Amino acid sequence: MSRQNLNDPTLGLVDYGSGNLRSVQRAIEHAGGICRLVHSASDAEGCAALVVPGVGSFGDCARQLREAGLWEFLREWLAADRPYLGICLGYQLLFESSEESPGVEGLGALRGSVVHFPRGGELKIPHMGWNQLHLRKPSDPLVQGLGANPDFYFVHSYYPVPEDEEIITTTCNYGVEFAASVTRGNLSAVQFHPEKSQELGLAMLRNFITSLGKRMS
C-alpha cells in the first residue's frame, strides 16, 4: 500500500444499490475520511479499505452484490485480510448463512450463521432505537475513547452468531445477548448504524479511519 493511502486513506464505499449509502458517505466524510463509491473492482484500486453498508434482506443484498459483479471481488478482498468495515447487512453477509434467506450463501469470511430474535415474547421486533454496547474487548481500535457503555442506534430483526467467540468485541442485550461487533485481523463489522449514532458514531468511524495505518503496517 502506498504512503499516500496510509497518510490520507481513501475508503471505498461499496455501492450495490442498497439503501442508506449517502448517509454513510456523509458520515465518513464528516469523520474526516475520503470516500469513493465502488461500483466495480476497478473502482477500489488504491483504496485503503472497503466499507460495506446495507439495509434490506440478506438474500436481496447477496443477489445485488452478485449482479453488480462484486461478490467474488469481496471474497478475494476478505481472503487477503485487507481492511474492511461492514455495517448492518455488511456485517451479516460475512457469515455463512442467514435464517432470513434459507439456501442463500453468505460470503463465508466468518464461520457462523445469522438468526432471528426469539419470537413470541414481549420484545418488539425489529430491535429499533438506541441501546448500550458492552465492551468485551476494550482494547479494540474501534471503541477507543467511546466510554464504558456507549449508546448506538440499531435497526434489525436478525443478528449473527459467530462460531469463534474470540472475535466478538462488543455485545448488546435485547432479550438475548448478541454480538454487536466483531474484529478479526483487518476485518471489522458492526450490527448498529454508526451513521445514525451521532457523535459516538462519528467517533467510531474516525477510529476506523485513523487505525488504517496501524492495520496495514
N, C-alpha and C. Protein backbone atom coordinates (compact mmCIF):
# COMPACT_ATOMS: atom_id res chain seq x y z
N MET A 1 0.83 -1.19 0.00
CA MET A 1 0.00 0.00 0.00
C MET A 1 0.87 1.24 0.00
N SER A 2 0.50 2.24 -0.75
CA SER A 2 1.35 3.41 -0.91
C SER A 2 1.32 4.29 0.32
N ARG A 3 2.35 5.15 0.42
CA ARG A 3 2.40 6.11 1.52
C ARG A 3 1.19 7.03 1.48
N GLN A 4 0.73 7.39 0.28
CA GLN A 4 -0.43 8.27 0.18
C GLN A 4 -1.65 7.63 0.84
N ASN A 5 -1.87 6.36 0.63
CA ASN A 5 -3.02 5.70 1.22
C ASN A 5 -2.90 5.61 2.73
N LEU A 6 -1.69 5.42 3.25
CA LEU A 6 -1.51 5.30 4.69
C LEU A 6 -1.73 6.63 5.38
N ASN A 7 -1.25 7.73 4.77
CA ASN A 7 -1.33 9.03 5.41
C ASN A 7 -2.67 9.71 5.16
N ASP A 8 -3.28 9.45 4.03
CA ASP A 8 -4.51 10.13 3.64
C ASP A 8 -5.42 9.10 2.98
N PRO A 9 -5.91 8.13 3.76
CA PRO A 9 -6.53 6.95 3.16
C PRO A 9 -7.87 7.24 2.51
N THR A 10 -8.07 6.59 1.37
CA THR A 10 -9.36 6.63 0.70
C THR A 10 -10.15 5.37 1.06
N LEU A 11 -11.38 5.56 1.48
CA LEU A 11 -12.25 4.44 1.81
C LEU A 11 -13.20 4.20 0.64
N GLY A 12 -13.23 2.97 0.17
CA GLY A 12 -14.15 2.61 -0.90
C GLY A 12 -15.49 2.20 -0.32
N LEU A 13 -16.53 2.96 -0.63
CA LEU A 13 -17.88 2.68 -0.14
C LEU A 13 -18.60 1.87 -1.21
N VAL A 14 -18.87 0.61 -0.92
CA VAL A 14 -19.41 -0.31 -1.91
C VAL A 14 -20.86 0.02 -2.21
N ASP A 15 -21.13 0.36 -3.47
CA ASP A 15 -22.46 0.76 -3.92
C ASP A 15 -23.04 -0.34 -4.79
N TYR A 16 -23.99 -1.08 -4.23
CA TYR A 16 -24.65 -2.15 -4.99
C TYR A 16 -26.17 -1.93 -5.03
N GLY A 17 -26.56 -0.65 -4.84
CA GLY A 17 -27.97 -0.30 -4.98
C GLY A 17 -28.81 -0.58 -3.77
N SER A 18 -28.19 -0.62 -2.59
CA SER A 18 -28.94 -0.98 -1.39
C SER A 18 -28.91 0.14 -0.36
N GLY A 19 -29.99 0.85 -0.25
CA GLY A 19 -30.27 1.66 0.93
C GLY A 19 -29.43 2.88 1.21
N ASN A 20 -29.03 2.98 2.46
CA ASN A 20 -28.60 4.23 3.08
C ASN A 20 -27.18 4.66 2.73
N LEU A 21 -26.83 4.58 1.45
CA LEU A 21 -25.45 4.83 1.05
C LEU A 21 -25.03 6.27 1.33
N ARG A 22 -25.87 7.22 0.98
CA ARG A 22 -25.49 8.63 1.10
C ARG A 22 -25.27 9.03 2.56
N SER A 23 -26.08 8.51 3.46
CA SER A 23 -25.89 8.87 4.87
C SER A 23 -24.57 8.31 5.39
N VAL A 24 -24.19 7.11 4.94
CA VAL A 24 -22.90 6.55 5.33
C VAL A 24 -21.77 7.37 4.72
N GLN A 25 -21.91 7.75 3.47
CA GLN A 25 -20.88 8.57 2.83
C GLN A 25 -20.70 9.90 3.58
N ARG A 26 -21.80 10.56 3.90
CA ARG A 26 -21.70 11.84 4.62
C ARG A 26 -21.03 11.66 5.97
N ALA A 27 -21.36 10.57 6.67
CA ALA A 27 -20.78 10.33 7.99
C ALA A 27 -19.27 10.10 7.88
N ILE A 28 -18.85 9.31 6.89
CA ILE A 28 -17.42 9.05 6.71
C ILE A 28 -16.68 10.36 6.43
N GLU A 29 -17.25 11.18 5.56
CA GLU A 29 -16.60 12.44 5.21
C GLU A 29 -16.60 13.40 6.40
N HIS A 30 -17.67 13.40 7.17
CA HIS A 30 -17.73 14.25 8.36
C HIS A 30 -16.72 13.79 9.40
N ALA A 31 -16.42 12.49 9.40
CA ALA A 31 -15.42 11.95 10.34
C ALA A 31 -14.00 12.17 9.86
N GLY A 32 -13.85 12.77 8.68
CA GLY A 32 -12.52 13.10 8.19
C GLY A 32 -11.99 12.18 7.12
N GLY A 33 -12.82 11.25 6.63
CA GLY A 33 -12.37 10.30 5.63
C GLY A 33 -12.60 10.80 4.21
N ILE A 34 -11.83 10.26 3.30
CA ILE A 34 -12.03 10.47 1.87
C ILE A 34 -12.80 9.26 1.36
N CYS A 35 -13.93 9.51 0.70
CA CYS A 35 -14.83 8.43 0.33
C CYS A 35 -14.96 8.34 -1.19
N ARG A 36 -14.85 7.11 -1.70
CA ARG A 36 -15.05 6.86 -3.12
C ARG A 36 -16.10 5.77 -3.30
N LEU A 37 -17.08 6.02 -4.14
CA LEU A 37 -18.08 5.00 -4.41
C LEU A 37 -17.48 3.89 -5.27
N VAL A 38 -17.72 2.66 -4.87
CA VAL A 38 -17.18 1.49 -5.57
C VAL A 38 -18.34 0.73 -6.20
N HIS A 39 -18.38 0.76 -7.54
CA HIS A 39 -19.39 0.01 -8.28
C HIS A 39 -18.82 -1.25 -8.92
N SER A 40 -17.48 -1.30 -8.99
CA SER A 40 -16.80 -2.44 -9.62
C SER A 40 -15.45 -2.60 -8.97
N ALA A 41 -14.80 -3.72 -9.23
CA ALA A 41 -13.49 -3.98 -8.64
C ALA A 41 -12.49 -2.90 -9.02
N SER A 42 -12.56 -2.39 -10.24
CA SER A 42 -11.60 -1.37 -10.68
C SER A 42 -11.74 -0.08 -9.88
N ASP A 43 -12.95 0.21 -9.38
CA ASP A 43 -13.16 1.43 -8.60
C ASP A 43 -12.41 1.38 -7.27
N ALA A 44 -12.08 0.18 -6.80
CA ALA A 44 -11.42 0.03 -5.50
C ALA A 44 -9.91 0.17 -5.59
N GLU A 45 -9.39 0.36 -6.81
CA GLU A 45 -7.94 0.49 -6.97
C GLU A 45 -7.42 1.67 -6.16
N GLY A 46 -6.45 1.41 -5.30
CA GLY A 46 -5.87 2.45 -4.47
C GLY A 46 -6.60 2.73 -3.17
N CYS A 47 -7.73 2.07 -2.94
CA CYS A 47 -8.45 2.28 -1.68
C CYS A 47 -7.74 1.57 -0.53
N ALA A 48 -7.70 2.24 0.60
CA ALA A 48 -7.06 1.64 1.78
C ALA A 48 -7.99 0.68 2.50
N ALA A 49 -9.29 0.83 2.29
CA ALA A 49 -10.27 -0.02 2.98
C ALA A 49 -11.56 -0.01 2.19
N LEU A 50 -12.38 -1.03 2.43
CA LEU A 50 -13.74 -1.06 1.90
C LEU A 50 -14.73 -0.94 3.05
N VAL A 51 -15.80 -0.20 2.79
CA VAL A 51 -16.91 -0.10 3.73
C VAL A 51 -18.14 -0.64 3.02
N VAL A 52 -18.80 -1.63 3.64
CA VAL A 52 -19.98 -2.25 3.03
C VAL A 52 -21.16 -2.04 3.96
N PRO A 53 -22.06 -1.10 3.62
CA PRO A 53 -23.28 -0.92 4.40
C PRO A 53 -24.38 -1.83 3.85
N GLY A 54 -25.58 -1.66 4.33
CA GLY A 54 -26.68 -2.44 3.78
C GLY A 54 -27.93 -2.37 4.61
N VAL A 55 -29.04 -2.19 3.94
CA VAL A 55 -30.35 -2.32 4.56
C VAL A 55 -31.19 -3.18 3.63
N GLY A 56 -32.16 -3.89 4.21
CA GLY A 56 -32.97 -4.80 3.41
C GLY A 56 -32.77 -6.22 3.88
N SER A 57 -32.91 -7.17 2.96
CA SER A 57 -32.81 -8.57 3.35
C SER A 57 -31.46 -9.15 2.93
N PHE A 58 -31.05 -10.18 3.67
CA PHE A 58 -29.79 -10.89 3.41
C PHE A 58 -29.75 -11.38 1.97
N GLY A 59 -30.82 -12.04 1.52
CA GLY A 59 -30.85 -12.62 0.18
C GLY A 59 -30.81 -11.57 -0.90
N ASP A 60 -31.55 -10.48 -0.73
CA ASP A 60 -31.56 -9.43 -1.74
C ASP A 60 -30.19 -8.77 -1.87
N CYS A 61 -29.54 -8.52 -0.73
CA CYS A 61 -28.22 -7.88 -0.77
C CYS A 61 -27.19 -8.79 -1.42
N ALA A 62 -27.25 -10.09 -1.11
CA ALA A 62 -26.34 -11.04 -1.76
C ALA A 62 -26.57 -11.06 -3.26
N ARG A 63 -27.82 -11.07 -3.67
CA ARG A 63 -28.14 -11.07 -5.11
C ARG A 63 -27.64 -9.79 -5.78
N GLN A 64 -27.86 -8.65 -5.14
CA GLN A 64 -27.44 -7.38 -5.74
C GLN A 64 -25.92 -7.31 -5.88
N LEU A 65 -25.21 -7.82 -4.89
CA LEU A 65 -23.75 -7.84 -4.99
C LEU A 65 -23.28 -8.74 -6.13
N ARG A 66 -23.94 -9.88 -6.29
CA ARG A 66 -23.57 -10.77 -7.39
C ARG A 66 -23.87 -10.11 -8.74
N GLU A 67 -25.05 -9.50 -8.85
CA GLU A 67 -25.43 -8.86 -10.10
C GLU A 67 -24.50 -7.71 -10.45
N ALA A 68 -23.96 -7.05 -9.43
CA ALA A 68 -23.03 -5.95 -9.66
C ALA A 68 -21.61 -6.43 -9.95
N GLY A 69 -21.39 -7.75 -9.87
CA GLY A 69 -20.05 -8.30 -10.11
C GLY A 69 -19.09 -8.07 -8.96
N LEU A 70 -19.63 -7.86 -7.78
CA LEU A 70 -18.79 -7.53 -6.62
C LEU A 70 -18.62 -8.69 -5.65
N TRP A 71 -19.37 -9.75 -5.80
CA TRP A 71 -19.36 -10.83 -4.82
C TRP A 71 -17.99 -11.49 -4.70
N GLU A 72 -17.45 -11.98 -5.81
CA GLU A 72 -16.14 -12.65 -5.77
C GLU A 72 -15.03 -11.67 -5.42
N PHE A 73 -15.17 -10.42 -5.87
CA PHE A 73 -14.19 -9.40 -5.51
C PHE A 73 -14.13 -9.22 -4.00
N LEU A 74 -15.30 -9.16 -3.35
CA LEU A 74 -15.32 -9.03 -1.90
C LEU A 74 -14.72 -10.24 -1.22
N ARG A 75 -15.00 -11.42 -1.73
CA ARG A 75 -14.41 -12.63 -1.15
C ARG A 75 -12.89 -12.60 -1.24
N GLU A 76 -12.37 -12.15 -2.36
CA GLU A 76 -10.92 -12.06 -2.52
C GLU A 76 -10.33 -11.00 -1.60
N TRP A 77 -11.01 -9.88 -1.47
CA TRP A 77 -10.55 -8.80 -0.59
C TRP A 77 -10.46 -9.31 0.86
N LEU A 78 -11.50 -10.01 1.29
CA LEU A 78 -11.55 -10.53 2.65
C LEU A 78 -10.52 -11.64 2.85
N ALA A 79 -10.35 -12.50 1.87
CA ALA A 79 -9.38 -13.58 1.98
C ALA A 79 -7.97 -13.04 2.11
N ALA A 80 -7.71 -11.88 1.53
CA ALA A 80 -6.40 -11.25 1.62
C ALA A 80 -6.24 -10.45 2.90
N ASP A 81 -7.25 -10.43 3.74
CA ASP A 81 -7.26 -9.69 5.01
C ASP A 81 -6.96 -8.22 4.79
N ARG A 82 -7.59 -7.64 3.78
CA ARG A 82 -7.48 -6.21 3.55
C ARG A 82 -8.53 -5.49 4.41
N PRO A 83 -8.29 -4.26 4.84
CA PRO A 83 -9.20 -3.57 5.76
C PRO A 83 -10.62 -3.46 5.23
N TYR A 84 -11.55 -3.81 6.09
CA TYR A 84 -12.97 -3.91 5.74
C TYR A 84 -13.79 -3.47 6.94
N LEU A 85 -14.82 -2.66 6.68
CA LEU A 85 -15.79 -2.31 7.71
C LEU A 85 -17.18 -2.64 7.20
N GLY A 86 -17.86 -3.59 7.85
CA GLY A 86 -19.22 -3.94 7.49
C GLY A 86 -20.20 -3.31 8.46
N ILE A 87 -21.29 -2.78 7.93
CA ILE A 87 -22.32 -2.12 8.74
C ILE A 87 -23.65 -2.82 8.49
N CYS A 88 -24.29 -3.29 9.55
CA CYS A 88 -25.61 -3.93 9.50
C CYS A 88 -25.54 -5.15 8.57
N LEU A 89 -26.17 -5.12 7.39
CA LEU A 89 -26.10 -6.28 6.50
C LEU A 89 -24.69 -6.51 5.98
N GLY A 90 -23.87 -5.46 5.94
CA GLY A 90 -22.47 -5.64 5.59
C GLY A 90 -21.72 -6.45 6.63
N TYR A 91 -22.28 -6.55 7.81
CA TYR A 91 -21.80 -7.44 8.89
C TYR A 91 -22.38 -8.83 8.70
N GLN A 92 -23.69 -8.92 8.56
CA GLN A 92 -24.35 -10.22 8.47
C GLN A 92 -23.89 -11.03 7.26
N LEU A 93 -23.61 -10.35 6.16
CA LEU A 93 -23.21 -11.06 4.94
C LEU A 93 -21.86 -11.74 5.06
N LEU A 94 -21.08 -11.39 6.07
CA LEU A 94 -19.79 -12.03 6.28
C LEU A 94 -19.91 -13.49 6.69
N PHE A 95 -21.08 -13.89 7.18
CA PHE A 95 -21.27 -15.23 7.72
C PHE A 95 -21.74 -16.20 6.64
N GLU A 96 -21.91 -17.45 7.03
CA GLU A 96 -22.17 -18.49 6.04
C GLU A 96 -23.62 -18.54 5.57
N SER A 97 -24.55 -18.17 6.44
CA SER A 97 -25.95 -18.28 6.08
C SER A 97 -26.79 -17.42 7.01
N SER A 98 -28.07 -17.26 6.64
CA SER A 98 -29.00 -16.50 7.48
C SER A 98 -30.37 -17.15 7.45
N GLU A 99 -31.03 -17.18 8.61
CA GLU A 99 -32.40 -17.68 8.67
C GLU A 99 -33.35 -16.83 7.83
N GLU A 100 -32.94 -15.59 7.54
CA GLU A 100 -33.80 -14.71 6.76
C GLU A 100 -33.95 -15.19 5.32
N SER A 101 -32.91 -15.83 4.80
CA SER A 101 -32.90 -16.24 3.39
C SER A 101 -32.34 -17.66 3.28
N PRO A 102 -33.15 -18.68 3.63
CA PRO A 102 -32.66 -20.06 3.59
C PRO A 102 -32.15 -20.43 2.20
N GLY A 103 -31.00 -21.10 2.18
CA GLY A 103 -30.43 -21.54 0.92
C GLY A 103 -29.51 -20.54 0.26
N VAL A 104 -29.45 -19.33 0.78
CA VAL A 104 -28.57 -18.30 0.21
C VAL A 104 -27.25 -18.31 0.98
N GLU A 105 -26.16 -18.47 0.27
CA GLU A 105 -24.85 -18.47 0.90
C GLU A 105 -24.37 -17.06 1.16
N GLY A 106 -23.78 -16.87 2.35
CA GLY A 106 -23.10 -15.62 2.64
C GLY A 106 -21.69 -15.64 2.10
N LEU A 107 -20.95 -14.60 2.39
CA LEU A 107 -19.57 -14.51 1.92
C LEU A 107 -18.68 -15.56 2.57
N GLY A 108 -19.05 -16.02 3.76
CA GLY A 108 -18.31 -17.10 4.41
C GLY A 108 -16.95 -16.69 4.94
N ALA A 109 -16.72 -15.39 5.11
CA ALA A 109 -15.45 -14.95 5.68
C ALA A 109 -15.36 -15.30 7.15
N LEU A 110 -16.51 -15.39 7.81
CA LEU A 110 -16.59 -15.76 9.22
C LEU A 110 -17.51 -16.96 9.36
N ARG A 111 -17.13 -17.88 10.22
CA ARG A 111 -17.95 -19.06 10.44
C ARG A 111 -19.07 -18.72 11.41
N GLY A 112 -20.26 -19.22 11.10
CA GLY A 112 -21.42 -18.95 11.93
C GLY A 112 -22.62 -18.60 11.05
N SER A 113 -23.74 -18.31 11.70
CA SER A 113 -24.96 -18.02 10.97
C SER A 113 -25.67 -16.82 11.59
N VAL A 114 -26.66 -16.33 10.86
CA VAL A 114 -27.45 -15.18 11.29
C VAL A 114 -28.85 -15.69 11.66
N VAL A 115 -29.32 -15.32 12.85
CA VAL A 115 -30.58 -15.85 13.35
C VAL A 115 -31.55 -14.72 13.70
N HIS A 116 -32.82 -15.08 13.79
CA HIS A 116 -33.88 -14.12 14.15
C HIS A 116 -33.97 -14.00 15.66
N PHE A 117 -34.33 -12.81 16.13
CA PHE A 117 -34.62 -12.66 17.56
C PHE A 117 -35.73 -13.63 17.97
N PRO A 118 -35.71 -14.10 19.22
CA PRO A 118 -36.74 -15.03 19.66
C PRO A 118 -38.15 -14.48 19.42
N ARG A 119 -38.99 -15.31 18.86
CA ARG A 119 -40.37 -14.91 18.57
C ARG A 119 -41.30 -15.28 19.73
N GLY A 120 -42.44 -14.62 19.76
CA GLY A 120 -43.48 -14.99 20.70
C GLY A 120 -43.39 -14.35 22.06
N GLY A 121 -42.39 -13.53 22.29
CA GLY A 121 -42.26 -12.87 23.58
C GLY A 121 -42.80 -11.45 23.54
N GLU A 122 -42.36 -10.65 24.51
CA GLU A 122 -42.85 -9.28 24.60
C GLU A 122 -41.96 -8.29 23.84
N LEU A 123 -40.85 -8.76 23.31
CA LEU A 123 -39.95 -7.87 22.59
C LEU A 123 -40.59 -7.38 21.30
N LYS A 124 -40.42 -6.11 21.03
CA LYS A 124 -40.82 -5.58 19.74
C LYS A 124 -39.71 -5.86 18.73
N ILE A 125 -40.11 -6.41 17.61
CA ILE A 125 -39.16 -6.73 16.55
C ILE A 125 -39.61 -6.00 15.29
N PRO A 126 -38.74 -5.25 14.63
CA PRO A 126 -37.28 -5.22 14.81
C PRO A 126 -36.84 -4.51 16.08
N HIS A 127 -35.62 -4.84 16.49
CA HIS A 127 -34.92 -4.10 17.53
C HIS A 127 -34.56 -2.75 16.90
N MET A 128 -35.23 -1.70 17.35
CA MET A 128 -35.07 -0.39 16.72
C MET A 128 -34.89 0.67 17.78
N GLY A 129 -33.80 1.43 17.67
CA GLY A 129 -33.55 2.52 18.59
C GLY A 129 -32.18 2.40 19.24
N TRP A 130 -32.00 3.18 20.29
CA TRP A 130 -30.71 3.26 20.98
C TRP A 130 -30.57 2.14 21.99
N ASN A 131 -29.35 1.58 22.06
CA ASN A 131 -29.08 0.55 23.05
C ASN A 131 -27.59 0.59 23.39
N GLN A 132 -27.27 0.10 24.58
CA GLN A 132 -25.90 0.15 25.07
C GLN A 132 -25.06 -1.00 24.53
N LEU A 133 -23.81 -0.68 24.27
CA LEU A 133 -22.82 -1.72 23.98
C LEU A 133 -22.10 -2.10 25.26
N HIS A 134 -21.76 -3.35 25.38
CA HIS A 134 -20.94 -3.85 26.48
C HIS A 134 -19.60 -4.25 25.87
N LEU A 135 -18.54 -3.63 26.33
CA LEU A 135 -17.24 -3.82 25.72
C LEU A 135 -16.61 -5.13 26.19
N ARG A 136 -16.53 -6.08 25.29
CA ARG A 136 -15.86 -7.34 25.62
C ARG A 136 -14.36 -7.22 25.43
N LYS A 137 -13.96 -6.39 24.47
CA LYS A 137 -12.53 -6.16 24.21
C LYS A 137 -12.29 -4.66 24.13
N PRO A 138 -12.11 -4.00 25.29
CA PRO A 138 -11.93 -2.54 25.30
C PRO A 138 -10.71 -2.06 24.53
N SER A 139 -9.76 -2.97 24.24
CA SER A 139 -8.57 -2.57 23.50
C SER A 139 -8.80 -2.50 22.00
N ASP A 140 -9.96 -2.93 21.52
CA ASP A 140 -10.22 -2.90 20.09
C ASP A 140 -10.18 -1.46 19.58
N PRO A 141 -9.49 -1.20 18.47
CA PRO A 141 -9.35 0.18 17.99
C PRO A 141 -10.67 0.90 17.75
N LEU A 142 -11.71 0.20 17.33
CA LEU A 142 -12.98 0.86 17.02
C LEU A 142 -13.62 1.52 18.23
N VAL A 143 -13.40 1.00 19.42
CA VAL A 143 -14.13 1.50 20.59
C VAL A 143 -13.28 2.42 21.48
N GLN A 144 -12.11 2.79 21.01
CA GLN A 144 -11.25 3.65 21.82
C GLN A 144 -11.90 5.01 22.04
N GLY A 145 -11.94 5.43 23.30
CA GLY A 145 -12.45 6.75 23.63
C GLY A 145 -13.96 6.88 23.63
N LEU A 146 -14.69 5.76 23.55
CA LEU A 146 -16.15 5.83 23.47
C LEU A 146 -16.83 5.69 24.82
N GLY A 147 -16.07 5.42 25.89
CA GLY A 147 -16.68 5.24 27.20
C GLY A 147 -16.98 3.78 27.48
N ALA A 148 -17.44 3.51 28.69
CA ALA A 148 -17.62 2.13 29.13
C ALA A 148 -18.82 1.44 28.49
N ASN A 149 -19.93 2.13 28.35
CA ASN A 149 -21.15 1.54 27.79
C ASN A 149 -21.80 2.52 26.82
N PRO A 150 -21.18 2.72 25.66
CA PRO A 150 -21.69 3.71 24.71
C PRO A 150 -23.02 3.28 24.09
N ASP A 151 -23.84 4.25 23.76
CA ASP A 151 -25.14 4.01 23.12
C ASP A 151 -25.02 4.15 21.61
N PHE A 152 -25.56 3.17 20.89
CA PHE A 152 -25.58 3.23 19.44
C PHE A 152 -26.98 2.90 18.93
N TYR A 153 -27.22 3.26 17.68
CA TYR A 153 -28.56 3.11 17.10
C TYR A 153 -28.65 1.82 16.28
N PHE A 154 -29.67 1.03 16.57
CA PHE A 154 -29.87 -0.27 15.92
C PHE A 154 -31.19 -0.27 15.15
N VAL A 155 -31.20 -1.02 14.04
CA VAL A 155 -32.44 -1.37 13.33
C VAL A 155 -32.22 -2.74 12.71
N HIS A 156 -32.74 -3.79 13.36
CA HIS A 156 -32.53 -5.14 12.81
C HIS A 156 -33.45 -6.14 13.49
N SER A 157 -33.76 -7.20 12.75
CA SER A 157 -34.55 -8.32 13.27
C SER A 157 -33.71 -9.58 13.40
N TYR A 158 -32.52 -9.57 12.82
CA TYR A 158 -31.62 -10.73 12.82
C TYR A 158 -30.26 -10.30 13.36
N TYR A 159 -29.52 -11.26 13.88
CA TYR A 159 -28.18 -10.96 14.39
C TYR A 159 -27.27 -12.17 14.18
N PRO A 160 -25.98 -11.93 13.95
CA PRO A 160 -25.05 -13.04 13.73
C PRO A 160 -24.68 -13.75 15.04
N VAL A 161 -24.40 -15.04 14.90
CA VAL A 161 -23.88 -15.85 16.00
C VAL A 161 -22.55 -16.43 15.53
N PRO A 162 -21.43 -15.76 15.82
CA PRO A 162 -20.13 -16.26 15.38
C PRO A 162 -19.76 -17.56 16.10
N GLU A 163 -19.20 -18.50 15.35
CA GLU A 163 -18.71 -19.73 15.99
C GLU A 163 -17.51 -19.43 16.89
N ASP A 164 -16.68 -18.52 16.46
CA ASP A 164 -15.49 -18.15 17.23
C ASP A 164 -15.82 -16.93 18.10
N GLU A 165 -16.06 -17.15 19.37
CA GLU A 165 -16.43 -16.05 20.26
C GLU A 165 -15.27 -15.09 20.51
N GLU A 166 -14.05 -15.51 20.16
CA GLU A 166 -12.89 -14.64 20.37
C GLU A 166 -12.92 -13.41 19.48
N ILE A 167 -13.67 -13.45 18.39
CA ILE A 167 -13.70 -12.29 17.50
C ILE A 167 -14.70 -11.24 17.97
N ILE A 168 -15.54 -11.55 18.95
CA ILE A 168 -16.57 -10.61 19.41
C ILE A 168 -15.92 -9.51 20.24
N THR A 169 -16.14 -8.26 19.84
CA THR A 169 -15.54 -7.13 20.54
C THR A 169 -16.54 -6.40 21.43
N THR A 170 -17.81 -6.35 21.04
CA THR A 170 -18.85 -5.78 21.88
C THR A 170 -20.10 -6.65 21.78
N THR A 171 -20.92 -6.59 22.81
CA THR A 171 -22.22 -7.26 22.79
C THR A 171 -23.30 -6.25 23.14
N CYS A 172 -24.53 -6.63 22.90
CA CYS A 172 -25.69 -5.82 23.24
C CYS A 172 -26.78 -6.76 23.71
N ASN A 173 -27.62 -6.29 24.62
CA ASN A 173 -28.69 -7.13 25.14
C ASN A 173 -30.04 -6.60 24.68
N TYR A 174 -30.79 -7.46 23.98
CA TYR A 174 -32.17 -7.16 23.62
C TYR A 174 -32.96 -8.47 23.72
N GLY A 175 -33.28 -8.82 24.95
CA GLY A 175 -33.89 -10.12 25.20
C GLY A 175 -32.87 -11.22 25.25
N VAL A 176 -31.91 -11.17 24.34
CA VAL A 176 -30.76 -12.07 24.32
C VAL A 176 -29.51 -11.20 24.18
N GLU A 177 -28.38 -11.72 24.63
CA GLU A 177 -27.12 -11.02 24.41
C GLU A 177 -26.56 -11.46 23.06
N PHE A 178 -26.29 -10.49 22.19
CA PHE A 178 -25.81 -10.85 20.86
C PHE A 178 -24.53 -10.08 20.54
N ALA A 179 -23.82 -10.56 19.55
CA ALA A 179 -22.55 -9.96 19.13
C ALA A 179 -22.85 -8.70 18.33
N ALA A 180 -22.60 -7.54 18.93
CA ALA A 180 -22.88 -6.27 18.27
C ALA A 180 -21.76 -5.85 17.33
N SER A 181 -20.55 -6.35 17.58
CA SER A 181 -19.44 -6.05 16.68
C SER A 181 -18.38 -7.13 16.79
N VAL A 182 -17.61 -7.26 15.73
CA VAL A 182 -16.52 -8.24 15.69
C VAL A 182 -15.30 -7.61 15.03
N THR A 183 -14.14 -8.15 15.37
CA THR A 183 -12.90 -7.81 14.69
C THR A 183 -12.07 -9.07 14.54
N ARG A 184 -11.54 -9.28 13.34
CA ARG A 184 -10.59 -10.38 13.10
C ARG A 184 -9.57 -9.87 12.10
N GLY A 185 -8.35 -9.71 12.56
CA GLY A 185 -7.33 -9.14 11.68
C GLY A 185 -7.74 -7.74 11.26
N ASN A 186 -7.78 -7.51 9.95
CA ASN A 186 -8.15 -6.21 9.41
C ASN A 186 -9.63 -6.08 9.10
N LEU A 187 -10.40 -7.09 9.49
CA LEU A 187 -11.85 -7.07 9.29
C LEU A 187 -12.54 -6.57 10.55
N SER A 188 -13.40 -5.59 10.39
CA SER A 188 -14.25 -5.12 11.49
C SER A 188 -15.67 -5.01 10.97
N ALA A 189 -16.65 -5.28 11.82
CA ALA A 189 -18.04 -5.18 11.39
C ALA A 189 -18.93 -4.94 12.60
N VAL A 190 -20.01 -4.19 12.35
CA VAL A 190 -20.91 -3.78 13.43
C VAL A 190 -22.36 -3.99 13.02
N GLN A 191 -23.20 -4.37 13.98
CA GLN A 191 -24.62 -4.55 13.69
C GLN A 191 -25.38 -3.23 13.75
N PHE A 192 -24.90 -2.30 14.52
CA PHE A 192 -25.56 -1.00 14.68
C PHE A 192 -25.18 -0.07 13.52
N HIS A 193 -25.72 1.14 13.54
CA HIS A 193 -25.51 2.10 12.47
C HIS A 193 -24.70 3.29 12.98
N PRO A 194 -23.39 3.32 12.75
CA PRO A 194 -22.61 4.50 13.17
C PRO A 194 -23.12 5.79 12.54
N GLU A 195 -23.59 5.70 11.29
CA GLU A 195 -24.05 6.91 10.59
C GLU A 195 -25.32 7.50 11.18
N LYS A 196 -26.01 6.73 12.03
CA LYS A 196 -27.23 7.22 12.71
C LYS A 196 -26.98 7.47 14.19
N SER A 197 -25.74 7.31 14.63
CA SER A 197 -25.43 7.32 16.06
C SER A 197 -24.73 8.59 16.53
N GLN A 198 -24.94 9.67 15.79
CA GLN A 198 -24.48 11.00 16.20
C GLN A 198 -22.99 11.02 16.50
N GLU A 199 -22.59 11.70 17.58
CA GLU A 199 -21.16 11.92 17.83
C GLU A 199 -20.39 10.63 18.09
N LEU A 200 -21.01 9.69 18.80
CA LEU A 200 -20.31 8.43 19.05
C LEU A 200 -20.09 7.65 17.76
N GLY A 201 -21.07 7.71 16.86
CA GLY A 201 -20.90 7.04 15.58
C GLY A 201 -19.78 7.65 14.76
N LEU A 202 -19.70 8.97 14.77
CA LEU A 202 -18.62 9.65 14.06
C LEU A 202 -17.27 9.32 14.69
N ALA A 203 -17.25 9.23 16.03
CA ALA A 203 -16.00 8.88 16.72
C ALA A 203 -15.54 7.48 16.35
N MET A 204 -16.49 6.54 16.21
CA MET A 204 -16.12 5.19 15.82
C MET A 204 -15.58 5.16 14.39
N LEU A 205 -16.24 5.88 13.48
CA LEU A 205 -15.73 5.94 12.11
C LEU A 205 -14.36 6.59 12.07
N ARG A 206 -14.16 7.61 12.89
CA ARG A 206 -12.85 8.26 12.96
C ARG A 206 -11.79 7.28 13.47
N ASN A 207 -12.17 6.46 14.44
CA ASN A 207 -11.25 5.44 14.94
C ASN A 207 -10.84 4.48 13.83
N PHE A 208 -11.82 4.07 13.03
CA PHE A 208 -11.51 3.15 11.93
C PHE A 208 -10.56 3.79 10.94
N ILE A 209 -10.83 5.04 10.60
CA ILE A 209 -10.00 5.75 9.61
C ILE A 209 -8.58 5.90 10.13
N THR A 210 -8.43 6.36 11.38
CA THR A 210 -7.09 6.62 11.90
C THR A 210 -6.33 5.34 12.21
N SER A 211 -7.05 4.22 12.34
CA SER A 211 -6.36 2.95 12.64
C SER A 211 -5.81 2.27 11.39
N LEU A 212 -6.14 2.80 10.20
CA LEU A 212 -5.76 2.09 8.98
C LEU A 212 -4.25 1.96 8.85
N GLY A 213 -3.51 2.98 9.23
CA GLY A 213 -2.05 2.89 9.14
C GLY A 213 -1.50 1.76 9.98
N LYS A 214 -2.03 1.61 11.20
CA LYS A 214 -1.56 0.52 12.08
C LYS A 214 -2.00 -0.83 11.53
N ARG A 215 -3.21 -0.90 10.97
CA ARG A 215 -3.72 -2.17 10.45
C ARG A 215 -2.88 -2.66 9.27
N MET A 216 -2.37 -1.71 8.47
CA MET A 216 -1.67 -2.10 7.24
C MET A 216 -0.17 -2.08 7.39
N SER A 217 0.35 -1.71 8.59
CA SER A 217 1.79 -1.63 8.77
C SER A 217 2.38 -3.01 8.99
